[in-house]
């Protein structure tokens, strides 16, 4: 569920400023895992492609 925090420090703001809420631990952990998986895939795909090319040419 999304929660928005509004900055109401100005006496009469023309427009409300949306301040993003801090990410929870669970969200940070998911994001870290996602980036780790993407990083591993980015590093392993060239090696897999090279092996496939070597198998085809052999």
PDB file of N, CA and C in Angstrom:
ATOM      1  N   UNK A   1       0.848  -1.163   0.000  1.00  0.00           N
ATOM      2  CA  UNK A   1       0.000   0.000   0.000  1.00  0.00           C
ATOM      3  C   UNK A   1       0.898   1.232   0.000  1.00  0.00           C
ATOM      4  N   UNK A   2       0.634   2.167  -0.891  1.00  0.00           N
ATOM      5  CA  UNK A   2       1.456   3.364  -1.011  1.00  0.00           C
ATOM      6  C   UNK A   2       0.981   4.430  -0.027  1.00  0.00           C
ATOM      7  N   UNK A   3       1.956   5.065   0.610  1.00  0.00           N
ATOM      8  CA  UNK A   3       1.661   6.152   1.529  1.00  0.00           C
ATOM      9  C   UNK A   3       2.450   7.361   1.066  1.00  0.00           C
ATOM     10  N   UNK A   4       1.781   8.487   0.967  1.00  0.00           N
ATOM     11  CA  UNK A   4       2.457   9.713   0.545  1.00  0.00           C
ATOM     12  C   UNK A   4       2.545  10.665   1.714  1.00  0.00           C
ATOM     13  N   UNK A   5       3.695  11.300   1.838  1.00  0.00           N
ATOM     14  CA  UNK A   5       3.930  12.260   2.905  1.00  0.00           C
ATOM     15  C   UNK A   5       3.981  13.639   2.260  1.00  0.00           C
ATOM     16  N   UNK A   6       3.186  14.575   2.774  1.00  0.00           N
ATOM     17  CA  UNK A   6       3.137  15.916   2.208  1.00  0.00           C
ATOM     18  C   UNK A   6       3.906  16.886   3.092  1.00  0.00           C
ATOM     19  N   UNK A   7       4.654  17.770   2.455  1.00  0.00           N
ATOM     20  CA  UNK A   7       5.415  18.789   3.157  1.00  0.00           C
ATOM     21  C   UNK A   7       4.532  20.028   3.288  1.00  0.00           C
ATOM     22  N   UNK A   8       4.086  20.334   4.487  1.00  0.00           N
ATOM     23  CA  UNK A   8       3.191  21.470   4.717  1.00  0.00           C
ATOM     24  C   UNK A   8       3.871  22.558   5.532  1.00  0.00           C
ATOM     25  N   UNK A   9       5.177  22.743   5.393  1.00  0.00           N
ATOM     26  CA  UNK A   9       5.904  23.708   6.203  1.00  0.00           C
ATOM     27  C   UNK A   9       5.678  25.136   5.737  1.00  0.00           C
ATOM     28  N   UNK A  10       5.366  25.360   4.461  1.00  0.00           N
ATOM     29  CA  UNK A  10       5.109  26.716   3.975  1.00  0.00           C
ATOM     30  C   UNK A  10       3.715  27.138   4.419  1.00  0.00           C
ATOM     31  N   UNK A  11       3.511  28.438   4.696  1.00  0.00           N
ATOM     32  CA  UNK A  11       2.207  28.884   5.186  1.00  0.00           C
ATOM     33  C   UNK A  11       1.076  28.609   4.192  1.00  0.00           C
ATOM     34  N   UNK A  12       1.259  28.983   2.931  1.00  0.00           N
ATOM     35  CA  UNK A  12       0.241  28.729   1.912  1.00  0.00           C
ATOM     36  C   UNK A  12       0.931  28.255   0.641  1.00  0.00           C
ATOM     37  N   UNK A  13       1.274  27.004   0.603  1.00  0.00           N
ATOM     38  CA  UNK A  13       1.973  26.523  -0.600  1.00  0.00           C
ATOM     39  C   UNK A  13       1.039  26.523  -1.805  1.00  0.00           C
ATOM     40  N   UNK A  14       1.589  26.929  -2.941  1.00  0.00           N
ATOM     41  CA  UNK A  14       0.803  26.911  -4.172  1.00  0.00           C
ATOM     42  C   UNK A  14       0.499  25.472  -4.568  1.00  0.00           C
ATOM     43  N   UNK A  15       1.442  24.598  -4.289  1.00  0.00           N
ATOM     44  CA  UNK A  15       1.287  23.191  -4.637  1.00  0.00           C
ATOM     45  C   UNK A  15       1.927  22.351  -3.546  1.00  0.00           C
ATOM     46  N   UNK A  16       1.325  21.251  -3.197  1.00  0.00           N
ATOM     47  CA  UNK A  16       1.890  20.385  -2.180  1.00  0.00           C
ATOM     48  C   UNK A  16       3.063  19.612  -2.759  1.00  0.00           C
ATOM     49  N   UNK A  17       4.116  19.474  -1.986  1.00  0.00           N
ATOM     50  CA  UNK A  17       5.297  18.738  -2.413  1.00  0.00           C
ATOM     51  C   UNK A  17       5.221  17.316  -1.871  1.00  0.00           C
ATOM     52  N   UNK A  18       5.354  16.359  -2.750  1.00  0.00           N
ATOM     53  CA  UNK A  18       5.310  14.960  -2.338  1.00  0.00           C
ATOM     54  C   UNK A  18       6.717  14.525  -1.939  1.00  0.00           C
ATOM     55  N   UNK A  19       6.843  14.064  -0.710  1.00  0.00           N
ATOM     56  CA  UNK A  19       8.123  13.575  -0.208  1.00  0.00           C
ATOM     57  C   UNK A  19       8.032  12.056  -0.171  1.00  0.00           C
ATOM     58  N   UNK A  20       8.879  11.357  -0.924  1.00  0.00           N
ATOM     59  CA  UNK A  20       8.779   9.891  -0.935  1.00  0.00           C
ATOM     60  C   UNK A  20       9.128   9.295   0.425  1.00  0.00           C
ATOM     61  N   UNK A  21       8.378   8.300   0.800  1.00  0.00           N
ATOM     62  CA  UNK A  21       8.627   7.616   2.069  1.00  0.00           C
ATOM     63  C   UNK A  21       9.860   6.735   1.924  1.00  0.00           C
ATOM     64  N   UNK A  22      10.533   6.512   3.026  1.00  0.00           N
ATOM     65  CA  UNK A  22      11.724   5.653   3.021  1.00  0.00           C
ATOM     66  C   UNK A  22      11.302   4.213   2.740  1.00  0.00           C
ATOM     67  N   UNK A  23      12.122   3.510   1.988  1.00  0.00           N
ATOM     68  CA  UNK A  23      11.820   2.124   1.648  1.00  0.00           C
ATOM     69  C   UNK A  23      11.959   1.236   2.886  1.00  0.00           C
ATOM     70  N   UNK A  24      11.102   0.263   2.976  1.00  0.00           N
ATOM     71  CA  UNK A  24      11.169  -0.649   4.115  1.00  0.00           C
ATOM     72  C   UNK A  24      12.336  -1.619   3.927  1.00  0.00           C
ATOM     73  N   UNK A  25      12.666  -2.332   4.999  1.00  0.00           N
ATOM     74  CA  UNK A  25      13.758  -3.305   4.910  1.00  0.00           C
ATOM     75  C   UNK A  25      13.449  -4.377   3.885  1.00  0.00           C
ATOM     76  N   UNK A  26      12.197  -4.814   3.863  1.00  0.00           N
ATOM     77  CA  UNK A  26      11.798  -5.853   2.920  1.00  0.00           C
ATOM     78  C   UNK A  26      11.972  -5.373   1.479  1.00  0.00           C
ATOM     79  N   UNK A  27      11.585  -4.125   1.206  1.00  0.00           N
ATOM     80  CA  UNK A  27      11.736  -3.586  -0.149  1.00  0.00           C
ATOM     81  C   UNK A  27      13.207  -3.452  -0.534  1.00  0.00           C
ATOM     82  N   UNK A  28      14.035  -3.015   0.411  1.00  0.00           N
ATOM     83  CA  UNK A  28      15.468  -2.903   0.108  1.00  0.00           C
ATOM     84  C   UNK A  28      16.082  -4.266  -0.138  1.00  0.00           C
ATOM     85  N   UNK A  29      15.660  -5.273   0.636  1.00  0.00           N
ATOM     86  CA  UNK A  29      16.186  -6.630   0.449  1.00  0.00           C
ATOM     87  C   UNK A  29      15.776  -7.168  -0.909  1.00  0.00           C
ATOM     88  N   UNK A  30      14.525  -6.964  -1.304  1.00  0.00           N
ATOM     89  CA  UNK A  30      14.069  -7.414  -2.628  1.00  0.00           C
ATOM     90  C   UNK A  30      14.847  -6.729  -3.739  1.00  0.00           C
ATOM     91  N   UNK A  31      15.057  -5.425  -3.576  1.00  0.00           N
ATOM     92  CA  UNK A  31      15.777  -4.689  -4.608  1.00  0.00           C
ATOM     93  C   UNK A  31      17.223  -5.180  -4.705  1.00  0.00           C
ATOM     94  N   UNK A  32      17.853  -5.438  -3.559  1.00  0.00           N
ATOM     95  CA  UNK A  32      19.223  -5.955  -3.560  1.00  0.00           C
ATOM     96  C   UNK A  32      19.291  -7.304  -4.253  1.00  0.00           C
ATOM     97  N   UNK A  33      18.331  -8.183  -3.963  1.00  0.00           N
ATOM     98  CA  UNK A  33      18.304  -9.498  -4.615  1.00  0.00           C
ATOM     99  C   UNK A  33      18.100  -9.367  -6.115  1.00  0.00           C
ATOM    100  N   UNK A  34      17.189  -8.477  -6.512  1.00  0.00           N
ATOM    101  CA  UNK A  34      16.913  -8.279  -7.935  1.00  0.00           C
ATOM    102  C   UNK A  34      18.176  -7.818  -8.657  1.00  0.00           C
ATOM    103  N   UNK A  35      18.893  -6.840  -8.075  1.00  0.00           N
ATOM    104  CA  UNK A  35      20.114  -6.354  -8.708  1.00  0.00           C
ATOM    105  C   UNK A  35      21.194  -7.434  -8.717  1.00  0.00           C
ATOM    106  N   UNK A  36      21.234  -8.264  -7.683  1.00  0.00           N
ATOM    107  CA  UNK A  36      22.208  -9.351  -7.646  1.00  0.00           C
ATOM    108  C   UNK A  36      21.933 -10.350  -8.764  1.00  0.00           C
ATOM    109  N   UNK A  37      20.670 -10.692  -8.977  1.00  0.00           N
ATOM    110  CA  UNK A  37      20.312 -11.635 -10.040  1.00  0.00           C
ATOM    111  C   UNK A  37      20.636 -11.042 -11.405  1.00  0.00           C
ATOM    112  N   UNK A  38      20.305  -9.773 -11.591  1.00  0.00           N
ATOM    113  CA  UNK A  38      20.608  -9.121 -12.872  1.00  0.00           C
ATOM    114  C   UNK A  38      22.116  -9.084 -13.098  1.00  0.00           C
ATOM    115  N   UNK A  39      22.889  -8.802 -12.048  1.00  0.00           N
ATOM    116  CA  UNK A  39      24.344  -8.766 -12.176  1.00  0.00           C
ATOM    117  C   UNK A  39      24.927 -10.120 -12.535  1.00  0.00           C
ATOM    118  N   UNK A  40      24.434 -11.165 -11.883  1.00  0.00           N
ATOM    119  CA  UNK A  40      24.930 -12.514 -12.188  1.00  0.00           C
ATOM    120  C   UNK A  40      24.584 -12.892 -13.623  1.00  0.00           C
ATOM    121  N   UNK A  41      23.374 -12.563 -14.059  1.00  0.00           N
ATOM    122  CA  UNK A  41      22.998 -12.859 -15.446  1.00  0.00           C
ATOM    123  C   UNK A  41      23.854 -12.087 -16.438  1.00  0.00           C
ATOM    124  N   UNK A  42      24.111 -10.823 -16.138  1.00  0.00           N
ATOM    125  CA  UNK A  42      24.944 -10.013 -17.041  1.00  0.00           C
ATOM    126  C   UNK A  42      26.368 -10.558 -17.138  1.00  0.00           C
ATOM    127  N   UNK A  43      26.860 -11.117 -16.048  1.00  0.00           N
ATOM    128  CA  UNK A  43      28.210 -11.666 -16.083  1.00  0.00           C
ATOM    129  C   UNK A  43      28.262 -13.058 -16.706  1.00  0.00           C
ATOM    130  N   UNK A  44      27.199 -13.829 -16.568  1.00  0.00           N
ATOM    131  CA  UNK A  44      27.242 -15.206 -17.054  1.00  0.00           C
ATOM    132  C   UNK A  44      26.791 -15.350 -18.512  1.00  0.00           C
ATOM    133  N   UNK A  45      25.986 -14.440 -19.013  1.00  0.00           N
ATOM    134  CA  UNK A  45      25.515 -14.576 -20.395  1.00  0.00           C
ATOM    135  C   UNK A  45      26.632 -14.555 -21.434  1.00  0.00           C
ATOM    136  N   UNK A  46      27.638 -13.684 -21.336  1.00  0.00           N
ATOM    137  CA  UNK A  46      28.719 -13.742 -22.328  1.00  0.00           C
ATOM    138  C   UNK A  46      29.468 -15.076 -22.315  1.00  0.00           C
ATOM    139  N   UNK A  47      29.664 -15.657 -21.128  1.00  0.00           N
ATOM    140  CA  UNK A  47      30.352 -16.946 -21.048  1.00  0.00           C
ATOM    141  C   UNK A  47      29.498 -18.054 -21.659  1.00  0.00           C
ATOM    142  N   UNK A  48      28.206 -18.018 -21.400  1.00  0.00           N
ATOM    143  CA  UNK A  48      27.310 -19.016 -21.988  1.00  0.00           C
ATOM    144  C   UNK A  48      27.279 -18.875 -23.509  1.00  0.00           C
ATOM    145  N   UNK A  49      27.263 -17.637 -23.983  1.00  0.00           N
ATOM    146  CA  UNK A  49      27.277 -17.424 -25.433  1.00  0.00           C
ATOM    147  C   UNK A  49      28.583 -17.898 -26.049  1.00  0.00           C
ATOM    148  N   UNK A  50      29.689 -17.655 -25.373  1.00  0.00           N
ATOM    149  CA  UNK A  50      30.986 -18.116 -25.888  1.00  0.00           C
ATOM    150  C   UNK A  50      31.040 -19.637 -25.928  1.00  0.00           C
ATOM    151  N   UNK A  51      30.526 -20.302 -24.890  1.00  0.00           N
ATOM    152  CA  UNK A  51      30.490 -21.756 -24.896  1.00  0.00           C
ATOM    153  C   UNK A  51      29.618 -22.294 -26.024  1.00  0.00           C
ATOM    154  N   UNK A  52      28.479 -21.639 -26.271  1.00  0.00           N
ATOM    155  CA  UNK A  52      27.609 -22.068 -27.345  1.00  0.00           C
ATOM    156  C   UNK A  52      28.302 -21.920 -28.702  1.00  0.00           C
ATOM    157  N   UNK A  53      29.021 -20.823 -28.885  1.00  0.00           N
ATOM    158  CA  UNK A  53      29.735 -20.613 -30.154  1.00  0.00           C
ATOM    159  C   UNK A  53      30.845 -21.640 -30.310  1.00  0.00           C
ATOM    160  N   UNK A  54      31.544 -21.928 -29.226  1.00  0.00           N
ATOM    161  CA  UNK A  54      32.606 -22.937 -29.306  1.00  0.00           C
ATOM    162  C   UNK A  54      32.056 -24.319 -29.605  1.00  0.00           C
ATOM    163  N   UNK A  55      30.916 -24.665 -29.052  1.00  0.00           N
ATOM    164  CA  UNK A  55      30.297 -25.972 -29.324  1.00  0.00           C
ATOM    165  C   UNK A  55      29.841 -26.064 -30.780  1.00  0.00           C
ATOM    166  N   UNK A  56      29.309 -24.958 -31.304  1.00  0.00           N
ATOM    167  CA  UNK A  56      28.824 -24.982 -32.695  1.00  0.00           C
ATOM    168  C   UNK A  56      29.997 -25.093 -33.649  1.00  0.00           C
ATOM    169  N   UNK A  57      31.087 -24.379 -33.367  1.00  0.00           N
ATOM    170  CA  UNK A  57      32.228 -24.403 -34.287  1.00  0.00           C
ATOM    171  C   UNK A  57      33.071 -25.653 -34.114  1.00  0.00           C
ATOM    172  N   UNK A  58      32.958 -26.339 -33.033  1.00  0.00           N
ATOM    173  CA  UNK A  58      33.772 -27.538 -32.786  1.00  0.00           C
ATOM    174  C   UNK A  58      33.147 -28.655 -33.517  1.00  0.00           C
TER     175      UNK A  58
END
